[in-house]
Each structure stands twice: as C-alpha cells, then as structure tokens.
Amino acid sequence: AVRQVRASRRFADYFFISAPLIAMAFAATGAALSMLLADMLQRVDVVRIIATFLTRYLAGNPALPLILQLVDGVVKQNEAAAKRKLYALAIGSVFTIELGPLLTALLLAGRIGGSYAGDVAMMASTSQVDLLKVLGVGPTAWTFLPALLAAALAAPLLSLLGTAVALLMGAVVGGGGGFDMISPDEYWREMRPLLLERPEGQHLLKFAPLVNVYRSLGFMLCTMGISQLCSRSRRRLQPRHVPLVITSAVVLSCLAILFLDWGFSQLFVRLDGGEPLG
C-alpha cells in the first residue's frame, strides 16, 4: 500500500507537472514543422519537374510537345489533392512514429531522469539510504520501483499528449489559420487511416499509435535505468557530488535515447510493411 501511494505521488509529479512543458514544446515544434512542410509543398512545381525530366530524356522525340501538354493537364488536375494528402500523411507519420516519442523522451530525460537521480543522490549523500537498510527497507523497493512504475505510465501518456498537440497544430497551420492548404475536415479524414485503422497485412509493431507507445516506454525505461545507475555509482557520495550525478544521468540518458531511437528505426523499416500509405 505504501509503495502504491509513493507510485501515485510520483505519477502525479511526473505527469501533471510535465504536461505543460510537453504541450508547449510540441505546439511550437508542430507549428514550425507544419509551416515548413506547407511552404515547401506550395513552392514545389510538380509540372515543371516532370517536364524537365521528360525534356531531358525525350529530346528530339516529335511526340514530346503532345506528351508535355498531356502531363500538364493531368498533373495540374490532381496536384493540389496529392499535396493535401502528402501534407496530412507526412505530419501524422513524422510525429506519431518518430518525433512524438523522441522529443518527449529527450525532454523527460531532464525532467524525470535528472529529478530522480538528484533525489536518490541526495538521499545517499545524507545517509538516508543507510537508514532505510537499518530499518529493513530495501532502497530499491522504496525509491526505484515506485518511480519506475510512475515513469513507465507517464511517458507514453505524455508522448500521446504531445503528438496530439502537434497534429492539432498541423490542422491549424494547414487550414484557414495558416496556409489555407487543406480544410480541417479533410486533414483529419486523411489522418484517420494512419491513426485508427491498421491495414491488412501490416505488422502490429508498425501500427503508428503502438509505435508511439512502445518507443516512449522503451526510452523511459532506459532513462530510469541510467538514472538509477548514476545515482548509486559512488559508495561515499557527498552533497557536492549531486549536481554531477544529475548532469551525468541527463547526458547519458539523452545519448542512450538517440542510440535506442536508431535501433527502433531499424526495426521499423525492416518489418513487413503491408499496404502502402495513401
């Protein structure tokens, strides 16, 4: 019961205090990335690109003017719809699969990992850990397990929260509040298959919402493990060592998250894909 209370308090600390930071960070990132993507798509002249390739490879062909005229009509008729679909799918995929869990993990490496490492290091430097042993209480069960449980619950929820905020900013920027490129109704309609419908034949581990959850969970378990090791690495810890413990935990956690993200990306691209997007 005591462990559950401690885990609940940790969860309230980790989730509710971190939520504004996550929301604001993803609002800014979502808006910036959406503006860059919308601006790029509006500037790209697909007809000109195709015409350049055709002119290069069909130079001297008497049918070239007719082909260019046909391409001009077909592409212009479908270019706007294709760009709208590409915008929605790109924003949804990038944030749900990659940036959502990664940005959340890097922010929480300092907010949760550094905080936990500092708490335990201060306990060790003031002999509180030794007191727990004298009282017959395991330090790991008292400090690490409740914090690990709370962090493992908070991280995926915060990642989903941040992703939702970023996707909402994509709708705002792409719609009337920004580039007037895609209506909110069409944006969410294009986003729905990615977020709510797993295509037949797609590997379960490539389903975007599940990718978001297991990546954020893996990053947080890595962060907490490193924070625990850093906080207990010195036998005779002094209060003056606490800042170094916090810094080490945060830096090593961020480096480990980046390496782990590479591993998750390798796993994702090597799994069977199922139906193509769009």
C-alpha atoms as a PDB file:
ATOM      1  CA  ALA A   1       0.000   0.000   0.000  1.00  0.00           C
ATOM      2  CA  VAL A   2       2.843   2.379   0.840  1.00  0.00           C
ATOM      3  CA  ARG A   3       4.525   1.579  -2.462  1.00  0.00           C
ATOM      4  CA  GLN A   4       1.289   2.285  -4.332  1.00  0.00           C
ATOM      5  CA  VAL A   5       0.924   5.641  -2.589  1.00  0.00           C
ATOM      6  CA  ARG A   6       4.504   6.557  -3.452  1.00  0.00           C
ATOM      7  CA  ALA A   7       3.994   5.490  -7.069  1.00  0.00           C
ATOM      8  CA  SER A   8       0.789   7.545  -7.268  1.00  0.00           C
ATOM      9  CA  ARG A   9       2.533  10.638  -5.943  1.00  0.00           C
ATOM     10  CA  ARG A  10       5.397  10.136  -8.365  1.00  0.00           C
ATOM     11  CA  PHE A  11       2.962   9.742 -11.248  1.00  0.00           C
ATOM     12  CA  ALA A  12       1.161  12.953 -10.319  1.00  0.00           C
ATOM     13  CA  ASP A  13       4.518  14.737 -10.203  1.00  0.00           C
ATOM     14  CA  TYR A  14       5.818  13.254 -13.454  1.00  0.00           C
ATOM     15  CA  PHE A  15       2.637  13.639 -15.497  1.00  0.00           C
ATOM     16  CA  PHE A  16       0.833  16.772 -14.364  1.00  0.00           C
ATOM     17  CA  ILE A  17       3.902  18.956 -13.891  1.00  0.00           C
ATOM     18  CA  SER A  18       5.476  17.746 -17.150  1.00  0.00           C
ATOM     19  CA  ALA A  19       2.280  18.090 -19.221  1.00  0.00           C
ATOM     20  CA  PRO A  20       2.524  21.890 -19.787  1.00  0.00           C
ATOM     21  CA  LEU A  21       6.164  21.563 -20.876  1.00  0.00           C
ATOM     22  CA  ILE A  22       5.309  18.760 -23.310  1.00  0.00           C
ATOM     23  CA  ALA A  23       2.258  20.598 -24.690  1.00  0.00           C
ATOM     24  CA  MET A  24       4.133  23.858 -25.283  1.00  0.00           C
ATOM     25  CA  ALA A  25       7.160  22.126 -26.826  1.00  0.00           C
ATOM     26  CA  PHE A  26       5.005  20.144 -29.237  1.00  0.00           C
ATOM     27  CA  ALA A  27       2.848  23.147 -30.082  1.00  0.00           C
ATOM     28  CA  ALA A  28       5.959  25.063 -31.131  1.00  0.00           C
ATOM     29  CA  THR A  29       7.525  22.102 -32.951  1.00  0.00           C
ATOM     30  CA  GLY A  30       4.260  21.126 -34.632  1.00  0.00           C
ATOM     31  CA  ALA A  31       3.635  24.656 -35.853  1.00  0.00           C
ATOM     32  CA  ALA A  32       7.199  25.110 -37.134  1.00  0.00           C
ATOM     33  CA  LEU A  33       7.361  21.771 -38.953  1.00  0.00           C
ATOM     34  CA  SER A  34       3.874  22.216 -40.419  1.00  0.00           C
ATOM     35  CA  MET A  35       4.754  25.671 -41.739  1.00  0.00           C
ATOM     36  CA  LEU A  36       7.971  24.406 -43.318  1.00  0.00           C
ATOM     37  CA  LEU A  37       6.207  21.457 -44.953  1.00  0.00           C
ATOM     38  CA  ALA A  38       3.246  23.516 -46.194  1.00  0.00           C
ATOM     39  CA  ASP A  39       5.553  26.186 -47.580  1.00  0.00           C
ATOM     40  CA  MET A  40       7.697  23.582 -49.346  1.00  0.00           C
ATOM     41  CA  LEU A  41       4.686  21.839 -50.888  1.00  0.00           C
ATOM     42  CA  GLN A  42       3.228  25.118 -52.123  1.00  0.00           C
ATOM     43  CA  ARG A  43       6.553  26.109 -53.694  1.00  0.00           C
ATOM     44  CA  VAL A  44       7.136  22.776 -55.473  1.00  0.00           C
ATOM     45  CA  ASP A  45       6.092  22.955 -59.135  1.00  0.00           C
ATOM     46  CA  VAL A  46       5.438  19.313 -59.985  1.00  0.00           C
ATOM     47  CA  VAL A  47       4.615  20.058 -63.639  1.00  0.00           C
ATOM     48  CA  ARG A  48       7.933  21.823 -64.117  1.00  0.00           C
ATOM     49  CA  ILE A  49       9.883  18.991 -62.500  1.00  0.00           C
ATOM     50  CA  ILE A  50       8.227  16.337 -64.673  1.00  0.00           C
ATOM     51  CA  ALA A  51       8.599  18.477 -67.789  1.00  0.00           C
ATOM     52  CA  THR A  52      12.315  18.893 -67.103  1.00  0.00           C
ATOM     53  CA  PHE A  53      12.827  15.120 -66.880  1.00  0.00           C
ATOM     54  CA  LEU A  54      10.747  14.448 -69.977  1.00  0.00           C
ATOM     55  CA  THR A  55      12.557  17.108 -71.989  1.00  0.00           C
ATOM     56  CA  ARG A  56      15.895  15.641 -70.960  1.00  0.00           C
ATOM     57  CA  TYR A  57      15.095  12.020 -71.775  1.00  0.00           C
ATOM     58  CA  LEU A  58      12.801  12.555 -74.803  1.00  0.00           C
ATOM     59  CA  ALA A  59      14.829  15.270 -76.521  1.00  0.00           C
ATOM     60  CA  GLY A  60      14.242  15.129 -80.258  1.00  0.00           C
ATOM     61  CA  ASN A  61      11.115  12.998 -79.982  1.00  0.00           C
ATOM     62  CA  PRO A  62       8.415  14.528 -82.216  1.00  0.00           C
ATOM     63  CA  ALA A  63       5.717  13.472 -79.714  1.00  0.00           C
ATOM     64  CA  LEU A  64       7.327  15.469 -76.879  1.00  0.00           C
ATOM     65  CA  PRO A  65       5.053  18.571 -77.131  1.00  0.00           C
ATOM     66  CA  LEU A  66       1.947  16.375 -77.037  1.00  0.00           C
ATOM     67  CA  ILE A  67       3.288  14.436 -74.051  1.00  0.00           C
ATOM     68  CA  LEU A  68       4.099  17.663 -72.198  1.00  0.00           C
ATOM     69  CA  GLN A  69       0.637  19.019 -72.871  1.00  0.00           C
ATOM     70  CA  LEU A  70      -0.950  15.793 -71.601  1.00  0.00           C
ATOM     71  CA  VAL A  71       1.232  15.775 -68.472  1.00  0.00           C
ATOM     72  CA  ASP A  72       0.423  19.414 -67.810  1.00  0.00           C
ATOM     73  CA  GLY A  73      -3.308  18.733 -67.852  1.00  0.00           C
ATOM     74  CA  VAL A  74      -3.252  15.519 -65.815  1.00  0.00           C
ATOM     75  CA  VAL A  75      -0.803  16.722 -63.161  1.00  0.00           C
ATOM     76  CA  LYS A  76      -2.429  20.109 -62.636  1.00  0.00           C
ATOM     77  CA  GLN A  77      -5.786  18.425 -62.231  1.00  0.00           C
ATOM     78  CA  ASN A  78      -4.523  16.192 -59.396  1.00  0.00           C
ATOM     79  CA  GLU A  79      -1.583  18.128 -57.952  1.00  0.00           C
ATOM     80  CA  ALA A  80      -3.495  20.012 -55.233  1.00  0.00           C
ATOM     81  CA  ALA A  81      -5.234  16.874 -53.933  1.00  0.00           C
ATOM     82  CA  ALA A  82      -1.958  14.945 -53.881  1.00  0.00           C
ATOM     83  CA  LYS A  83      -0.220  17.722 -51.958  1.00  0.00           C
ATOM     84  CA  ARG A  84      -3.026  17.827 -49.391  1.00  0.00           C
ATOM     85  CA  LYS A  85      -2.784  14.077 -48.846  1.00  0.00           C
ATOM     86  CA  LEU A  86       1.007  14.231 -48.626  1.00  0.00           C
ATOM     87  CA  TYR A  87       0.828  17.042 -46.074  1.00  0.00           C
ATOM     88  CA  ALA A  88      -1.543  15.149 -43.775  1.00  0.00           C
ATOM     89  CA  LEU A  89       0.303  11.824 -44.051  1.00  0.00           C
ATOM     90  CA  ALA A  90       3.716  13.436 -43.525  1.00  0.00           C
ATOM     91  CA  ILE A  91       2.676  15.330 -40.395  1.00  0.00           C
ATOM     92  CA  GLY A  92       0.878  12.284 -38.983  1.00  0.00           C
ATOM     93  CA  SER A  93       3.695   9.824 -39.665  1.00  0.00           C
ATOM     94  CA  VAL A  94       6.556  12.054 -38.546  1.00  0.00           C
ATOM     95  CA  PHE A  95       5.039  12.949 -35.185  1.00  0.00           C
ATOM     96  CA  THR A  96       3.265   9.684 -34.374  1.00  0.00           C
ATOM     97  CA  ILE A  97       6.134   7.389 -35.286  1.00  0.00           C
ATOM     98  CA  GLU A  98       9.297   9.415 -34.739  1.00  0.00           C
ATOM     99  CA  LEU A  99       9.224  12.909 -33.254  1.00  0.00           C
ATOM    100  CA  GLY A 100       6.460  12.282 -30.707  1.00  0.00           C
ATOM    101  CA  PRO A 101       8.248   9.659 -28.612  1.00  0.00           C
ATOM    102  CA  LEU A 102      11.754  11.021 -29.304  1.00  0.00           C
ATOM    103  CA  LEU A 103      11.098  14.643 -28.333  1.00  0.00           C
ATOM    104  CA  THR A 104       9.131  13.518 -25.275  1.00  0.00           C
ATOM    105  CA  ALA A 105      11.974  11.240 -24.184  1.00  0.00           C
ATOM    106  CA  LEU A 106      14.615  13.957 -24.532  1.00  0.00           C
ATOM    107  CA  LEU A 107      12.514  16.401 -22.505  1.00  0.00           C
ATOM    108  CA  LEU A 108      11.765  13.819 -19.812  1.00  0.00           C
ATOM    109  CA  ALA A 109      15.396  12.778 -19.562  1.00  0.00           C
ATOM    110  CA  GLY A 110      15.926  16.029 -17.724  1.00  0.00           C
ATOM    111  CA  ARG A 111      12.513  16.436 -16.123  1.00  0.00           C
ATOM    112  CA  ILE A 112      12.146  12.865 -14.779  1.00  0.00           C
ATOM    113  CA  GLY A 113      15.557  11.225 -15.122  1.00  0.00           C
ATOM    114  CA  GLY A 114      17.505  14.142 -13.702  1.00  0.00           C
ATOM    115  CA  SER A 115      14.962  14.713 -10.942  1.00  0.00           C
ATOM    116  CA  TYR A 116      15.045  11.077  -9.839  1.00  0.00           C
ATOM    117  CA  ALA A 117      18.836  10.870  -9.955  1.00  0.00           C
ATOM    118  CA  GLY A 118      19.100  14.026  -7.853  1.00  0.00           C
ATOM    119  CA  ASP A 119      16.606  12.765  -5.260  1.00  0.00           C
ATOM    120  CA  VAL A 120      18.374   9.430  -4.795  1.00  0.00           C
ATOM    121  CA  ALA A 121      21.835  11.013  -4.838  1.00  0.00           C
ATOM    122  CA  MET A 122      20.774  13.451  -2.107  1.00  0.00           C
ATOM    123  CA  MET A 123      19.349  10.565  -0.065  1.00  0.00           C
ATOM    124  CA  ALA A 124      22.621   8.672  -0.421  1.00  0.00           C
ATOM    125  CA  SER A 125      24.747  11.706   0.475  1.00  0.00           C
ATOM    126  CA  THR A 126      22.716  12.369   3.645  1.00  0.00           C
ATOM    127  CA  SER A 127      22.756   8.721   4.823  1.00  0.00           C
ATOM    128  CA  GLN A 128      19.023   8.225   4.226  1.00  0.00           C
ATOM    129  CA  VAL A 129      19.751   5.119   2.137  1.00  0.00           C
ATOM    130  CA  ASP A 130      21.733   3.631   5.024  1.00  0.00           C
ATOM    131  CA  LEU A 131      18.849   4.422   7.378  1.00  0.00           C
ATOM    132  CA  LEU A 132      16.435   2.517   5.120  1.00  0.00           C
ATOM    133  CA  LYS A 133      18.722  -0.518   5.312  1.00  0.00           C
ATOM    134  CA  VAL A 134      18.833  -0.269   9.105  1.00  0.00           C
ATOM    135  CA  LEU A 135      15.019  -0.187   9.156  1.00  0.00           C
ATOM    136  CA  GLY A 136      14.913  -3.294   6.998  1.00  0.00           C
ATOM    137  CA  VAL A 137      13.549  -1.489   3.942  1.00  0.00           C
ATOM    138  CA  GLY A 138      15.159  -2.174   0.582  1.00  0.00           C
ATOM    139  CA  PRO A 139      16.327   1.110  -1.010  1.00  0.00           C
ATOM    140  CA  THR A 140      15.465  -0.158  -4.472  1.00  0.00           C
ATOM    141  CA  ALA A 141      11.913  -1.079  -3.490  1.00  0.00           C
ATOM    142  CA  TRP A 142      11.479   2.251  -1.669  1.00  0.00           C
ATOM    143  CA  THR A 143      12.861   4.587  -4.335  1.00  0.00           C
ATOM    144  CA  PHE A 144      13.381   2.950  -7.714  1.00  0.00           C
ATOM    145  CA  LEU A 145      10.333   0.703  -8.181  1.00  0.00           C
ATOM    146  CA  PRO A 146       7.657   3.352  -7.447  1.00  0.00           C
ATOM    147  CA  ALA A 147       9.480   5.876  -9.624  1.00  0.00           C
ATOM    148  CA  LEU A 148       9.922   3.329 -12.432  1.00  0.00           C
ATOM    149  CA  LEU A 149       6.230   2.414 -12.390  1.00  0.00           C
ATOM    150  CA  ALA A 150       5.143   6.053 -12.363  1.00  0.00           C
ATOM    151  CA  ALA A 151       7.534   6.992 -15.174  1.00  0.00           C
ATOM    152  CA  ALA A 152       6.518   3.976 -17.271  1.00  0.00           C
ATOM    153  CA  LEU A 153       2.886   5.089 -17.050  1.00  0.00           C
ATOM    154  CA  ALA A 154       3.529   8.797 -17.526  1.00  0.00           C
ATOM    155  CA  ALA A 155       5.885   8.640 -20.518  1.00  0.00           C
ATOM    156  CA  PRO A 156       3.516   7.038 -23.085  1.00  0.00           C
ATOM    157  CA  LEU A 157       0.653   9.293 -21.960  1.00  0.00           C
ATOM    158  CA  LEU A 158       2.817  12.389 -22.293  1.00  0.00           C
ATOM    159  CA  SER A 159       4.050  11.215 -25.690  1.00  0.00           C
ATOM    160  CA  LEU A 160       0.474  10.753 -26.890  1.00  0.00           C
ATOM    161  CA  LEU A 161      -0.453  14.161 -25.467  1.00  0.00           C
ATOM    162  CA  GLY A 162       2.419  15.864 -27.255  1.00  0.00           C
ATOM    163  CA  THR A 163       1.677  14.047 -30.504  1.00  0.00           C
ATOM    164  CA  ALA A 164      -1.979  15.093 -30.332  1.00  0.00           C
ATOM    165  CA  VAL A 165      -0.974  18.736 -29.809  1.00  0.00           C
ATOM    166  CA  ALA A 166       1.418  18.597 -32.769  1.00  0.00           C
ATOM    167  CA  LEU A 167      -1.222  17.047 -35.032  1.00  0.00           C
ATOM    168  CA  LEU A 168      -3.683  19.727 -33.938  1.00  0.00           C
ATOM    169  CA  MET A 169      -1.162  22.415 -34.876  1.00  0.00           C
ATOM    170  CA  GLY A 170      -0.807  20.726 -38.259  1.00  0.00           C
ATOM    171  CA  ALA A 171      -4.552  21.149 -38.801  1.00  0.00           C
ATOM    172  CA  VAL A 172      -4.401  24.807 -37.747  1.00  0.00           C
ATOM    173  CA  VAL A 173      -1.386  25.684 -39.902  1.00  0.00           C
ATOM    174  CA  GLY A 174      -2.606  23.779 -42.942  1.00  0.00           C
ATOM    175  CA  GLY A 175      -6.132  25.155 -42.629  1.00  0.00           C
ATOM    176  CA  GLY A 176      -7.568  28.632 -42.519  1.00  0.00           C
ATOM    177  CA  GLY A 177      -5.355  29.652 -39.599  1.00  0.00           C
ATOM    178  CA  GLY A 178      -2.209  29.342 -41.694  1.00  0.00           C
ATOM    179  CA  PHE A 179      -1.546  28.418 -45.322  1.00  0.00           C
ATOM    180  CA  ASP A 180      -5.149  27.631 -46.298  1.00  0.00           C
ATOM    181  CA  MET A 181      -3.874  24.426 -47.884  1.00  0.00           C
ATOM    182  CA  ILE A 182      -6.223  21.785 -46.528  1.00  0.00           C
ATOM    183  CA  SER A 183      -9.516  22.022 -44.633  1.00  0.00           C
ATOM    184  CA  PRO A 184      -9.622  20.588 -41.085  1.00  0.00           C
ATOM    185  CA  ASP A 185     -12.237  18.021 -42.158  1.00  0.00           C
ATOM    186  CA  GLU A 186     -10.095  16.725 -44.997  1.00  0.00           C
ATOM    187  CA  TYR A 187      -6.979  16.805 -42.804  1.00  0.00           C
ATOM    188  CA  TRP A 188      -8.500  14.560 -40.151  1.00  0.00           C
ATOM    189  CA  ARG A 189     -10.102  12.347 -42.810  1.00  0.00           C
ATOM    190  CA  GLU A 190      -6.682  11.715 -44.357  1.00  0.00           C
ATOM    191  CA  MET A 191      -5.181  11.213 -40.896  1.00  0.00           C
ATOM    192  CA  ARG A 192      -7.776   8.670 -39.754  1.00  0.00           C
ATOM    193  CA  PRO A 193      -6.378   5.563 -41.548  1.00  0.00           C
ATOM    194  CA  LEU A 194      -2.915   6.213 -40.118  1.00  0.00           C
ATOM    195  CA  LEU A 195      -4.127   6.647 -36.539  1.00  0.00           C
ATOM    196  CA  LEU A 196      -7.142   4.359 -36.236  1.00  0.00           C
ATOM    197  CA  GLU A 197      -7.035   1.726 -38.963  1.00  0.00           C
ATOM    198  CA  ARG A 198      -4.322  -0.929 -39.224  1.00  0.00           C
ATOM    199  CA  PRO A 199      -4.040  -2.049 -42.869  1.00  0.00           C
ATOM    200  CA  GLU A 200      -4.447  -5.731 -43.607  1.00  0.00           C
ATOM    201  CA  GLY A 201      -1.059  -7.432 -43.621  1.00  0.00           C
ATOM    202  CA  GLN A 202       0.705  -4.673 -41.706  1.00  0.00           C
ATOM    203  CA  HIS A 203       2.927  -5.896 -38.891  1.00  0.00           C
ATOM    204  CA  LEU A 204       1.485  -4.990 -35.498  1.00  0.00           C
ATOM    205  CA  LEU A 205       4.728  -3.262 -34.499  1.00  0.00           C
ATOM    206  CA  LYS A 206       4.344  -0.851 -37.447  1.00  0.00           C
ATOM    207  CA  PHE A 207       0.894   0.376 -36.369  1.00  0.00           C
ATOM    208  CA  ALA A 208       1.586   4.069 -35.717  1.00  0.00           C
ATOM    209  CA  PRO A 209      -0.123   4.543 -32.299  1.00  0.00           C
ATOM    210  CA  LEU A 210       1.519   1.370 -30.967  1.00  0.00           C
ATOM    211  CA  VAL A 211       4.902   2.530 -32.274  1.00  0.00           C
ATOM    212  CA  ASN A 212       4.422   5.765 -30.337  1.00  0.00           C
ATOM    213  CA  VAL A 213       3.665   3.855 -27.130  1.00  0.00           C
ATOM    214  CA  TYR A 214       6.421   1.233 -27.230  1.00  0.00           C
ATOM    215  CA  ARG A 215       9.082   3.711 -28.278  1.00  0.00           C
ATOM    216  CA  SER A 216       8.233   6.147 -25.485  1.00  0.00           C
ATOM    217  CA  LEU A 217       8.094   3.286 -22.978  1.00  0.00           C
ATOM    218  CA  GLY A 218      11.466   1.932 -24.113  1.00  0.00           C
ATOM    219  CA  PHE A 219      13.073   5.372 -23.915  1.00  0.00           C
ATOM    220  CA  MET A 220      11.757   5.916 -20.383  1.00  0.00           C
ATOM    221  CA  LEU A 221      12.892   2.506 -19.096  1.00  0.00           C
ATOM    222  CA  CYS A 222      16.339   3.300 -20.476  1.00  0.00           C
ATOM    223  CA  THR A 223      16.319   6.737 -18.811  1.00  0.00           C
ATOM    224  CA  MET A 224      15.293   5.374 -15.426  1.00  0.00           C
ATOM    225  CA  GLY A 225      17.860   2.581 -15.560  1.00  0.00           C
ATOM    226  CA  ILE A 226      20.679   5.016 -16.315  1.00  0.00           C
ATOM    227  CA  SER A 227      19.472   7.444 -13.640  1.00  0.00           C
ATOM    228  CA  GLN A 228      19.464   4.653 -11.068  1.00  0.00           C
ATOM    229  CA  LEU A 229      22.987   3.591 -12.014  1.00  0.00           C
ATOM    230  CA  CYS A 230      24.304   7.163 -11.894  1.00  0.00           C
ATOM    231  CA  SER A 231      22.732   7.874  -8.510  1.00  0.00           C
ATOM    232  CA  ARG A 232      24.143   4.694  -6.944  1.00  0.00           C
ATOM    233  CA  SER A 233      27.522   4.636  -8.693  1.00  0.00           C
ATOM    234  CA  ARG A 234      29.502   6.123  -5.791  1.00  0.00           C
ATOM    235  CA  ARG A 235      29.756   4.383  -2.438  1.00  0.00           C
ATOM    236  CA  ARG A 236      30.606   7.528  -0.469  1.00  0.00           C
ATOM    237  CA  LEU A 237      28.506  10.171  -2.120  1.00  0.00           C
ATOM    238  CA  GLN A 238      28.774  13.722  -0.820  1.00  0.00           C
ATOM    239  CA  PRO A 239      26.254  16.555  -1.337  1.00  0.00           C
ATOM    240  CA  ARG A 240      28.755  18.324  -3.598  1.00  0.00           C
ATOM    241  CA  HIS A 241      28.564  15.355  -5.981  1.00  0.00           C
ATOM    242  CA  VAL A 242      24.803  15.646  -6.536  1.00  0.00           C
ATOM    243  CA  PRO A 243      24.957  18.163  -9.439  1.00  0.00           C
ATOM    244  CA  LEU A 244      27.464  15.916 -11.223  1.00  0.00           C
ATOM    245  CA  VAL A 245      25.156  12.921 -10.739  1.00  0.00           C
ATOM    246  CA  ILE A 246      22.217  14.839 -12.231  1.00  0.00           C
ATOM    247  CA  THR A 247      24.267  16.053 -15.200  1.00  0.00           C
ATOM    248  CA  SER A 248      25.668  12.584 -15.858  1.00  0.00           C
ATOM    249  CA  ALA A 249      22.215  10.999 -15.709  1.00  0.00           C
ATOM    250  CA  VAL A 250      20.714  13.517 -18.137  1.00  0.00           C
ATOM    251  CA  VAL A 251      23.566  13.461 -20.664  1.00  0.00           C
ATOM    252  CA  LEU A 252      23.962   9.680 -20.669  1.00  0.00           C
ATOM    253  CA  SER A 253      20.202   9.204 -20.909  1.00  0.00           C
ATOM    254  CA  CYS A 254      19.954  11.508 -23.919  1.00  0.00           C
ATOM    255  CA  LEU A 255      22.816   9.715 -25.667  1.00  0.00           C
ATOM    256  CA  ALA A 256      21.245   6.327 -24.938  1.00  0.00           C
ATOM    257  CA  ILE A 257      17.867   7.555 -26.216  1.00  0.00           C
ATOM    258  CA  LEU A 258      19.421   8.629 -29.523  1.00  0.00           C
ATOM    259  CA  PHE A 259      21.106   5.241 -29.978  1.00  0.00           C
ATOM    260  CA  LEU A 260      17.915   3.436 -28.998  1.00  0.00           C
ATOM    261  CA  ASP A 261      15.936   5.567 -31.444  1.00  0.00           C
ATOM    262  CA  TRP A 262      18.248   4.414 -34.220  1.00  0.00           C
ATOM    263  CA  GLY A 263      17.598   0.816 -33.187  1.00  0.00           C
ATOM    264  CA  PHE A 264      13.827   1.336 -33.156  1.00  0.00           C
ATOM    265  CA  SER A 265      14.023   2.935 -36.616  1.00  0.00           C
ATOM    266  CA  GLN A 266      15.993  -0.023 -37.954  1.00  0.00           C
ATOM    267  CA  LEU A 267      13.364  -2.380 -36.543  1.00  0.00           C
ATOM    268  CA  PHE A 268      10.548  -0.335 -38.058  1.00  0.00           C
ATOM    269  CA  VAL A 269      11.913  -0.201 -41.609  1.00  0.00           C
ATOM    270  CA  ARG A 270      12.857  -3.899 -41.649  1.00  0.00           C
ATOM    271  CA  LEU A 271       9.439  -5.206 -40.623  1.00  0.00           C
ATOM    272  CA  ASP A 272       6.902  -6.305 -43.210  1.00  0.00           C
ATOM    273  CA  GLY A 273       5.024  -3.213 -44.302  1.00  0.00           C
ATOM    274  CA  GLY A 274       1.595  -4.259 -45.559  1.00  0.00           C
ATOM    275  CA  GLU A 275      -0.251  -1.794 -47.806  1.00  0.00           C
ATOM    276  CA  PRO A 276       1.463   1.456 -48.895  1.00  0.00           C
ATOM    277  CA  LEU A 277       0.350   4.775 -47.425  1.00  0.00           C
ATOM    278  CA  GLY A 278      -2.241   6.759 -49.294  1.00  0.00           C
END
